Amino acid sequence: MGSPHEKAQTAGWDVCPGPTPTASRRLEDQLPALEELTGHIATLRAMGVHVLYGEGGFIPDKPGEGRPDAYPWHLAPAAAEAVAGRRDAP
């Protein structure tokens, strides 16, 4: 019994991996095998998850180039309000 996905399937769970954009890039060559193993795969954004890290959200500075005043603190409460149906997503 190998991967966590296989263990979950053995226990009777349907597994639908939802890798982050970063994980998708790092695992790009492994995604077809993972999809074959589980029967499906979806990105978090495709599943309706508001991803605040990366394109359209927070893109970190390189080490030593910190700009705390430019940190997008507003994204998290705006996303929470969007999920609660109180406004459009950021």
PDB file of N, CA and C in Angstrom:
ATOM      1  N   MET A   1       0.857  -1.164   0.000  1.00  0.00           N
ATOM      2  CA  MET A   1       0.000   0.000   0.000  1.00  0.00           C
ATOM      3  C   MET A   1       0.903   1.226   0.000  1.00  0.00           C
ATOM      4  N   GLY A   2       0.895   1.997  -1.097  1.00  0.00           N
ATOM      5  CA  GLY A   2       1.850   3.067  -1.245  1.00  0.00           C
ATOM      6  C   GLY A   2       1.404   4.447  -0.793  1.00  0.00           C
ATOM      7  N   SER A   3       0.924   5.214  -1.735  1.00  0.00           N
ATOM      8  CA  SER A   3       0.664   6.632  -1.503  1.00  0.00           C
ATOM      9  C   SER A   3      -0.527   6.872  -0.574  1.00  0.00           C
ATOM     10  N   PRO A   4      -0.619   8.094  -0.046  1.00  0.00           N
ATOM     11  CA  PRO A   4      -1.799   8.433   0.765  1.00  0.00           C
ATOM     12  C   PRO A   4      -3.095   8.272  -0.022  1.00  0.00           C
ATOM     13  N   HIS A   5      -3.029   8.517  -1.333  1.00  0.00           N
ATOM     14  CA  HIS A   5      -4.219   8.363  -2.167  1.00  0.00           C
ATOM     15  C   HIS A   5      -4.675   6.907  -2.200  1.00  0.00           C
ATOM     16  N   GLU A   6      -3.703   6.011  -2.359  1.00  0.00           N
ATOM     17  CA  GLU A   6      -4.030   4.580  -2.387  1.00  0.00           C
ATOM     18  C   GLU A   6      -4.571   4.119  -1.039  1.00  0.00           C
ATOM     19  N   LYS A   7      -3.984   4.612   0.051  1.00  0.00           N
ATOM     20  CA  LYS A   7      -4.468   4.238   1.385  1.00  0.00           C
ATOM     21  C   LYS A   7      -5.904   4.711   1.588  1.00  0.00           C
ATOM     22  N   ALA A   8      -6.203   5.927   1.154  1.00  0.00           N
ATOM     23  CA  ALA A   8      -7.560   6.456   1.300  1.00  0.00           C
ATOM     24  C   ALA A   8      -8.547   5.645   0.459  1.00  0.00           C
ATOM     25  N   GLN A   9      -8.150   5.285  -0.760  1.00  0.00           N
ATOM     26  CA  GLN A   9      -9.028   4.482  -1.618  1.00  0.00           C
ATOM     27  C   GLN A   9      -9.271   3.099  -1.013  1.00  0.00           C
ATOM     28  N   THR A  10      -8.238   2.503  -0.437  1.00  0.00           N
ATOM     29  CA  THR A  10      -8.373   1.203   0.204  1.00  0.00           C
ATOM     30  C   THR A  10      -9.362   1.276   1.366  1.00  0.00           C
ATOM     31  N   ALA A  11      -9.393   2.435   2.026  1.00  0.00           N
ATOM     32  CA  ALA A  11     -10.320   2.632   3.148  1.00  0.00           C
ATOM     33  C   ALA A  11     -11.727   2.996   2.671  1.00  0.00           C
ATOM     34  N   GLY A  12     -11.932   3.042   1.349  1.00  0.00           N
ATOM     35  CA  GLY A  12     -13.260   3.295   0.813  1.00  0.00           C
ATOM     36  C   GLY A  12     -13.556   4.731   0.429  1.00  0.00           C
ATOM     37  N   TRP A  13     -12.554   5.595   0.447  1.00  0.00           N
ATOM     38  CA  TRP A  13     -12.756   6.996   0.100  1.00  0.00           C
ATOM     39  C   TRP A  13     -12.575   7.227  -1.392  1.00  0.00           C
ATOM     40  N   ASP A  14     -13.360   8.135  -1.950  1.00  0.00           N
ATOM     41  CA  ASP A  14     -13.141   8.618  -3.307  1.00  0.00           C
ATOM     42  C   ASP A  14     -12.184   9.788  -3.182  1.00  0.00           C
ATOM     43  N   VAL A  15     -11.086   9.754  -3.889  1.00  0.00           N
ATOM     44  CA  VAL A  15     -10.050  10.773  -3.755  1.00  0.00           C
ATOM     45  C   VAL A  15     -10.037  11.652  -4.997  1.00  0.00           C
ATOM     46  N   CYS A  16     -10.195  12.946  -4.786  1.00  0.00           N
ATOM     47  CA  CYS A  16     -10.106  13.918  -5.879  1.00  0.00           C
ATOM     48  C   CYS A  16      -9.040  14.932  -5.507  1.00  0.00           C
ATOM     49  N   PRO A  17      -7.808  14.717  -5.954  1.00  0.00           N
ATOM     50  CA  PRO A  17      -6.743  15.653  -5.617  1.00  0.00           C
ATOM     51  C   PRO A  17      -7.036  17.049  -6.172  1.00  0.00           C
ATOM     52  N   GLY A  18      -6.730  18.038  -5.384  1.00  0.00           N
ATOM     53  CA  GLY A  18      -6.886  19.428  -5.786  1.00  0.00           C
ATOM     54  C   GLY A  18      -5.606  20.182  -5.517  1.00  0.00           C
ATOM     55  N   PRO A  19      -4.587  20.010  -6.354  1.00  0.00           N
ATOM     56  CA  PRO A  19      -3.303  20.653  -6.085  1.00  0.00           C
ATOM     57  C   PRO A  19      -3.358  22.164  -6.271  1.00  0.00           C
ATOM     58  N   THR A  20      -2.551  22.865  -5.514  1.00  0.00           N
ATOM     59  CA  THR A  20      -2.417  24.304  -5.694  1.00  0.00           C
ATOM     60  C   THR A  20      -1.726  24.559  -7.030  1.00  0.00           C
ATOM     61  N   PRO A  21      -1.770  25.784  -7.524  1.00  0.00           N
ATOM     62  CA  PRO A  21      -1.055  26.065  -8.774  1.00  0.00           C
ATOM     63  C   PRO A  21       0.432  25.726  -8.691  1.00  0.00           C
ATOM     64  N   THR A  22       1.057  26.015  -7.558  1.00  0.00           N
ATOM     65  CA  THR A  22       2.480  25.704  -7.393  1.00  0.00           C
ATOM     66  C   THR A  22       2.705  24.203  -7.425  1.00  0.00           C
ATOM     67  N   ALA A  23       1.868  23.457  -6.710  1.00  0.00           N
ATOM     68  CA  ALA A  23       2.006  22.000  -6.706  1.00  0.00           C
ATOM     69  C   ALA A  23       1.760  21.433  -8.096  1.00  0.00           C
ATOM     70  N   SER A  24       0.811  21.981  -8.823  1.00  0.00           N
ATOM     71  CA  SER A  24       0.543  21.505 -10.188  1.00  0.00           C
ATOM     72  C   SER A  24       1.766  21.665 -11.077  1.00  0.00           C
ATOM     73  N   ARG A  25       2.448  22.794 -10.941  1.00  0.00           N
ATOM     74  CA  ARG A  25       3.662  23.001 -11.741  1.00  0.00           C
ATOM     75  C   ARG A  25       4.761  22.025 -11.330  1.00  0.00           C
ATOM     76  N   ARG A  26       4.941  21.832 -10.024  1.00  0.00           N
ATOM     77  CA  ARG A  26       6.005  20.934  -9.554  1.00  0.00           C
ATOM     78  C   ARG A  26       5.727  19.476  -9.897  1.00  0.00           C
ATOM     79  N   LEU A  27       4.460  19.109  -9.908  1.00  0.00           N
ATOM     80  CA  LEU A  27       4.068  17.719 -10.162  1.00  0.00           C
ATOM     81  C   LEU A  27       3.613  17.480 -11.595  1.00  0.00           C
ATOM     82  N   GLU A  28       3.876  18.434 -12.479  1.00  0.00           N
ATOM     83  CA  GLU A  28       3.332  18.378 -13.834  1.00  0.00           C
ATOM     84  C   GLU A  28       3.515  17.026 -14.507  1.00  0.00           C
ATOM     85  N   ASP A  29       4.704  16.442 -14.402  1.00  0.00           N
ATOM     86  CA  ASP A  29       4.949  15.159 -15.058  1.00  0.00           C
ATOM     87  C   ASP A  29       4.256  13.991 -14.347  1.00  0.00           C
ATOM     88  N   GLN A  30       3.824  14.187 -13.091  1.00  0.00           N
ATOM     89  CA  GLN A  30       3.161  13.128 -12.335  1.00  0.00           C
ATOM     90  C   GLN A  30       1.635  13.222 -12.366  1.00  0.00           C
ATOM     91  N   LEU A  31       1.096  14.342 -12.847  1.00  0.00           N
ATOM     92  CA  LEU A  31      -0.355  14.534 -12.821  1.00  0.00           C
ATOM     93  C   LEU A  31      -1.136  13.487 -13.615  1.00  0.00           C
ATOM     94  N   PRO A  32      -0.668  13.082 -14.821  1.00  0.00           N
ATOM     95  CA  PRO A  32      -1.416  12.049 -15.535  1.00  0.00           C
ATOM     96  C   PRO A  32      -1.526  10.734 -14.742  1.00  0.00           C
ATOM     97  N   ALA A  33      -0.457  10.325 -14.076  1.00  0.00           N
ATOM     98  CA  ALA A  33      -0.494   9.093 -13.275  1.00  0.00           C
ATOM     99  C   ALA A  33      -1.415   9.255 -12.075  1.00  0.00           C
ATOM    100  N   LEU A  34      -1.402  10.430 -11.468  1.00  0.00           N
ATOM    101  CA  LEU A  34      -2.270  10.693 -10.332  1.00  0.00           C
ATOM    102  C   LEU A  34      -3.736  10.683 -10.764  1.00  0.00           C
ATOM    103  N   GLU A  35      -4.009  11.259 -11.933  1.00  0.00           N
ATOM    104  CA  GLU A  35      -5.375  11.239 -12.457  1.00  0.00           C
ATOM    105  C   GLU A  35      -5.821   9.813 -12.780  1.00  0.00           C
ATOM    106  N   GLU A  36      -4.912   9.014 -13.319  1.00  0.00           N
ATOM    107  CA  GLU A  36      -5.243   7.613 -13.607  1.00  0.00           C
ATOM    108  C   GLU A  36      -5.516   6.842 -12.314  1.00  0.00           C
ATOM    109  N   LEU A  37      -4.737   7.101 -11.294  1.00  0.00           N
ATOM    110  CA  LEU A  37      -4.898   6.432 -10.007  1.00  0.00           C
ATOM    111  C   LEU A  37      -6.235   6.786  -9.358  1.00  0.00           C
ATOM    112  N   THR A  38      -6.595   8.060  -9.376  1.00  0.00           N
ATOM    113  CA  THR A  38      -7.785   8.505  -8.654  1.00  0.00           C
ATOM    114  C   THR A  38      -9.037   8.585  -9.510  1.00  0.00           C
ATOM    115  N   GLY A  39      -8.871   8.639 -10.821  1.00  0.00           N
ATOM    116  CA  GLY A  39     -10.026   8.767 -11.708  1.00  0.00           C
ATOM    117  C   GLY A  39     -10.352  10.210 -12.037  1.00  0.00           C
ATOM    118  N   HIS A  40      -9.767  11.135 -11.334  1.00  0.00           N
ATOM    119  CA  HIS A  40      -9.990  12.554 -11.608  1.00  0.00           C
ATOM    120  C   HIS A  40      -8.978  13.411 -10.848  1.00  0.00           C
ATOM    121  N   ILE A  41      -8.864  14.628 -11.304  1.00  0.00           N
ATOM    122  CA  ILE A  41      -8.021  15.625 -10.625  1.00  0.00           C
ATOM    123  C   ILE A  41      -8.578  16.987 -10.995  1.00  0.00           C
ATOM    124  N   ALA A  42      -8.508  17.915 -10.090  1.00  0.00           N
ATOM    125  CA  ALA A  42      -9.017  19.260 -10.355  1.00  0.00           C
ATOM    126  C   ALA A  42      -8.132  20.277  -9.662  1.00  0.00           C
ATOM    127  N   THR A  43      -8.023  21.428 -10.256  1.00  0.00           N
ATOM    128  CA  THR A  43      -7.295  22.476  -9.575  1.00  0.00           C
ATOM    129  C   THR A  43      -8.219  23.087  -8.530  1.00  0.00           C
ATOM    130  N   LEU A  44      -7.625  23.697  -7.537  1.00  0.00           N
ATOM    131  CA  LEU A  44      -8.436  24.314  -6.485  1.00  0.00           C
ATOM    132  C   LEU A  44      -9.342  25.393  -7.059  1.00  0.00           C
ATOM    133  N   ARG A  45      -8.821  26.196  -7.976  1.00  0.00           N
ATOM    134  CA  ARG A  45      -9.650  27.244  -8.570  1.00  0.00           C
ATOM    135  C   ARG A  45     -10.833  26.636  -9.328  1.00  0.00           C
ATOM    136  N   ALA A  46     -10.601  25.532 -10.040  1.00  0.00           N
ATOM    137  CA  ALA A  46     -11.689  24.888 -10.775  1.00  0.00           C
ATOM    138  C   ALA A  46     -12.741  24.317  -9.834  1.00  0.00           C
ATOM    139  N   MET A  47     -12.342  24.018  -8.593  1.00  0.00           N
ATOM    140  CA  MET A  47     -13.271  23.487  -7.602  1.00  0.00           C
ATOM    141  C   MET A  47     -13.998  24.609  -6.860  1.00  0.00           C
ATOM    142  N   GLY A  48     -13.698  25.873  -7.217  1.00  0.00           N
ATOM    143  CA  GLY A  48     -14.367  26.999  -6.591  1.00  0.00           C
ATOM    144  C   GLY A  48     -13.657  27.556  -5.377  1.00  0.00           C
ATOM    145  N   VAL A  49     -12.419  27.119  -5.138  1.00  0.00           N
ATOM    146  CA  VAL A  49     -11.662  27.615  -3.995  1.00  0.00           C
ATOM    147  C   VAL A  49     -11.014  28.940  -4.372  1.00  0.00           C
ATOM    148  N   HIS A  50     -11.111  29.920  -3.509  1.00  0.00           N
ATOM    149  CA  HIS A  50     -10.460  31.202  -3.731  1.00  0.00           C
ATOM    150  C   HIS A  50      -9.008  31.072  -3.292  1.00  0.00           C
ATOM    151  N   VAL A  51      -8.098  31.009  -4.270  1.00  0.00           N
ATOM    152  CA  VAL A  51      -6.677  30.894  -3.981  1.00  0.00           C
ATOM    153  C   VAL A  51      -6.091  32.299  -3.947  1.00  0.00           C
ATOM    154  N   LEU A  52      -5.597  32.700  -2.797  1.00  0.00           N
ATOM    155  CA  LEU A  52      -5.094  34.055  -2.627  1.00  0.00           C
ATOM    156  C   LEU A  52      -3.596  34.156  -2.846  1.00  0.00           C
ATOM    157  N   TYR A  53      -2.949  33.069  -3.161  1.00  0.00           N
ATOM    158  CA  TYR A  53      -1.506  33.046  -3.360  1.00  0.00           C
ATOM    159  C   TYR A  53      -1.234  32.836  -4.837  1.00  0.00           C
ATOM    160  N   GLY A  54      -0.434  33.692  -5.425  1.00  0.00           N
ATOM    161  CA  GLY A  54      -0.096  33.544  -6.835  1.00  0.00           C
ATOM    162  C   GLY A  54      -0.820  34.573  -7.684  1.00  0.00           C
ATOM    163  N   GLU A  55      -0.930  34.299  -8.959  1.00  0.00           N
ATOM    164  CA  GLU A  55      -1.548  35.219  -9.904  1.00  0.00           C
ATOM    165  C   GLU A  55      -2.933  35.649  -9.438  1.00  0.00           C
ATOM    166  N   GLY A  56      -3.152  36.956  -9.406  1.00  0.00           N
ATOM    167  CA  GLY A  56      -4.425  37.479  -8.951  1.00  0.00           C
ATOM    168  C   GLY A  56      -4.522  37.618  -7.442  1.00  0.00           C
ATOM    169  N   GLY A  57      -3.440  37.320  -6.742  1.00  0.00           N
ATOM    170  CA  GLY A  57      -3.420  37.396  -5.282  1.00  0.00           C
ATOM    171  C   GLY A  57      -2.070  37.873  -4.799  1.00  0.00           C
ATOM    172  N   PHE A  58      -1.539  37.199  -3.819  1.00  0.00           N
ATOM    173  CA  PHE A  58      -0.258  37.568  -3.228  1.00  0.00           C
ATOM    174  C   PHE A  58       0.876  36.876  -3.956  1.00  0.00           C
ATOM    175  N   ILE A  59       1.798  37.667  -4.500  1.00  0.00           N
ATOM    176  CA  ILE A  59       3.019  37.139  -5.106  1.00  0.00           C
ATOM    177  C   ILE A  59       4.168  37.672  -4.256  1.00  0.00           C
ATOM    178  N   PRO A  60       4.852  36.797  -3.534  1.00  0.00           N
ATOM    179  CA  PRO A  60       5.887  37.262  -2.606  1.00  0.00           C
ATOM    180  C   PRO A  60       7.075  37.893  -3.319  1.00  0.00           C
ATOM    181  N   ASP A  61       7.711  38.803  -2.591  1.00  0.00           N
ATOM    182  CA  ASP A  61       8.944  39.418  -3.076  1.00  0.00           C
ATOM    183  C   ASP A  61      10.073  38.419  -2.940  1.00  0.00           C
ATOM    184  N   LYS A  62      11.155  38.704  -3.635  1.00  0.00           N
ATOM    185  CA  LYS A  62      12.363  37.900  -3.475  1.00  0.00           C
ATOM    186  C   LYS A  62      12.932  38.177  -2.088  1.00  0.00           C
ATOM    187  N   PRO A  63      13.694  37.230  -1.533  1.00  0.00           N
ATOM    188  CA  PRO A  63      14.291  37.450  -0.218  1.00  0.00           C
ATOM    189  C   PRO A  63      15.052  38.779  -0.157  1.00  0.00           C
ATOM    190  N   GLY A  64      14.812  39.508   0.913  1.00  0.00           N
ATOM    191  CA  GLY A  64      15.480  40.782   1.113  1.00  0.00           C
ATOM    192  C   GLY A  64      14.790  41.967   0.459  1.00  0.00           C
ATOM    193  N   GLU A  65      13.723  41.719  -0.274  1.00  0.00           N
ATOM    194  CA  GLU A  65      13.008  42.795  -0.956  1.00  0.00           C
ATOM    195  C   GLU A  65      11.631  43.040  -0.343  1.00  0.00           C
ATOM    196  N   GLY A  66      11.500  42.725   0.934  1.00  0.00           N
ATOM    197  CA  GLY A  66      10.209  42.852   1.593  1.00  0.00           C
ATOM    198  C   GLY A  66       9.630  44.257   1.528  1.00  0.00           C
ATOM    199  N   ARG A  67       8.344  44.338   1.259  1.00  0.00           N
ATOM    200  CA  ARG A  67       7.629  45.611   1.246  1.00  0.00           C
ATOM    201  C   ARG A  67       6.329  45.417   2.019  1.00  0.00           C
ATOM    202  N   PRO A  68       6.382  45.444   3.345  1.00  0.00           N
ATOM    203  CA  PRO A  68       5.181  45.203   4.148  1.00  0.00           C
ATOM    204  C   PRO A  68       4.012  46.109   3.789  1.00  0.00           C
ATOM    205  N   ASP A  69       4.301  47.334   3.357  1.00  0.00           N
ATOM    206  CA  ASP A  69       3.231  48.256   3.002  1.00  0.00           C
ATOM    207  C   ASP A  69       2.482  47.823   1.739  1.00  0.00           C
ATOM    208  N   ALA A  70       3.099  46.958   0.925  1.00  0.00           N
ATOM    209  CA  ALA A  70       2.460  46.495  -0.303  1.00  0.00           C
ATOM    210  C   ALA A  70       1.739  45.154  -0.122  1.00  0.00           C
ATOM    211  N   TYR A  71       1.795  44.583   1.080  1.00  0.00           N
ATOM    212  CA  TYR A  71       1.147  43.288   1.329  1.00  0.00           C
ATOM    213  C   TYR A  71      -0.368  43.429   1.162  1.00  0.00           C
ATOM    214  N   PRO A  72      -0.993  42.551   0.405  1.00  0.00           N
ATOM    215  CA  PRO A  72      -2.426  42.684   0.110  1.00  0.00           C
ATOM    216  C   PRO A  72      -3.328  42.142   1.230  1.00  0.00           C
ATOM    217  N   TRP A  73      -3.276  42.770   2.383  1.00  0.00           N
ATOM    218  CA  TRP A  73      -4.074  42.315   3.524  1.00  0.00           C
ATOM    219  C   TRP A  73      -5.560  42.270   3.195  1.00  0.00           C
ATOM    220  N   HIS A  74      -6.007  43.101   2.305  1.00  0.00           N
ATOM    221  CA  HIS A  74      -7.430  43.199   1.984  1.00  0.00           C
ATOM    222  C   HIS A  74      -7.990  41.957   1.289  1.00  0.00           C
ATOM    223  N   LEU A  75      -7.143  41.120   0.700  1.00  0.00           N
ATOM    224  CA  LEU A  75      -7.633  39.975  -0.072  1.00  0.00           C
ATOM    225  C   LEU A  75      -8.366  38.939   0.779  1.00  0.00           C
ATOM    226  N   ALA A  76      -7.864  38.634   1.966  1.00  0.00           N
ATOM    227  CA  ALA A  76      -8.491  37.588   2.793  1.00  0.00           C
ATOM    228  C   ALA A  76      -9.899  37.984   3.237  1.00  0.00           C
ATOM    229  N   PRO A  77     -10.125  39.176   3.819  1.00  0.00           N
ATOM    230  CA  PRO A  77     -11.496  39.501   4.204  1.00  0.00           C
ATOM    231  C   PRO A  77     -12.421  39.662   2.995  1.00  0.00           C
ATOM    232  N   ALA A  78     -11.881  40.151   1.871  1.00  0.00           N
ATOM    233  CA  ALA A  78     -12.707  40.288   0.674  1.00  0.00           C
ATOM    234  C   ALA A  78     -13.142  38.916   0.163  1.00  0.00           C
ATOM    235  N   ALA A  79     -12.234  37.938   0.202  1.00  0.00           N
ATOM    236  CA  ALA A  79     -12.592  36.578  -0.226  1.00  0.00           C
ATOM    237  C   ALA A  79     -13.608  35.965   0.717  1.00  0.00           C
ATOM    238  N   ALA A  80     -13.452  36.184   2.015  1.00  0.00           N
ATOM    239  CA  ALA A  80     -14.418  35.654   2.985  1.00  0.00           C
ATOM    240  C   ALA A  80     -15.792  36.264   2.767  1.00  0.00           C
ATOM    241  N   GLU A  81     -15.841  37.557   2.494  1.00  0.00           N
ATOM    242  CA  GLU A  81     -17.124  38.205   2.224  1.00  0.00           C
ATOM    243  C   GLU A  81     -17.747  37.666   0.938  1.00  0.00           C
ATOM    244  N   ALA A  82     -16.912  37.378  -0.069  1.00  0.00           N
ATOM    245  CA  ALA A  82     -17.426  36.817  -1.324  1.00  0.00           C
ATOM    246  C   ALA A  82     -18.028  35.440  -1.095  1.00  0.00           C
ATOM    247  N   VAL A  83     -17.368  34.620  -0.294  1.00  0.00           N
ATOM    248  CA  VAL A  83     -17.877  33.279   0.006  1.00  0.00           C
ATOM    249  C   VAL A  83     -19.197  33.381   0.770  1.00  0.00           C
ATOM    250  N   ALA A  84     -19.289  34.369   1.637  1.00  0.00           N
ATOM    251  CA  ALA A  84     -20.504  34.560   2.419  1.00  0.00           C
ATOM    252  C   ALA A  84     -21.612  35.217   1.591  1.00  0.00           C
ATOM    253  N   GLY A  85     -21.298  35.559   0.330  1.00  0.00           N
ATOM    254  CA  GLY A  85     -22.308  36.127  -0.548  1.00  0.00           C
ATOM    255  C   GLY A  85     -22.537  37.615  -0.328  1.00  0.00           C
ATOM    256  N   ARG A  86     -21.601  38.282   0.309  1.00  0.00           N
ATOM    257  CA  ARG A  86     -21.791  39.692   0.608  1.00  0.00           C
ATOM    258  C   ARG A  86     -21.188  40.617  -0.421  1.00  0.00           C
ATOM    259  N   ARG A  87     -20.356  40.082  -1.335  1.00  0.00           N
ATOM    260  CA  ARG A  87     -19.765  40.913  -2.390  1.00  0.00           C
ATOM    261  C   ARG A  87     -19.053  40.032  -3.390  1.00  0.00           C
ATOM    262  N   ASP A  88     -18.539  40.616  -4.468  1.00  0.00           N
ATOM    263  CA  ASP A  88     -17.811  39.869  -5.480  1.00  0.00           C
ATOM    264  C   ASP A  88     -16.437  39.487  -4.967  1.00  0.00           C
ATOM    265  N   ALA A  89     -15.910  38.384  -5.497  1.00  0.00           N
ATOM    266  CA  ALA A  89     -14.583  37.912  -5.094  1.00  0.00           C
ATOM    267  C   ALA A  89     -13.520  38.885  -5.569  1.00  0.00           C
ATOM    268  N   PRO A  90     -12.376  38.938  -4.863  1.00  0.00           N
ATOM    269  CA  PRO A  90     -11.281  39.837  -5.266  1.00  0.00           C
ATOM    270  C   PRO A  90     -10.690  39.416  -6.583  1.00  0.00           C
TER     271      PRO A  90
END
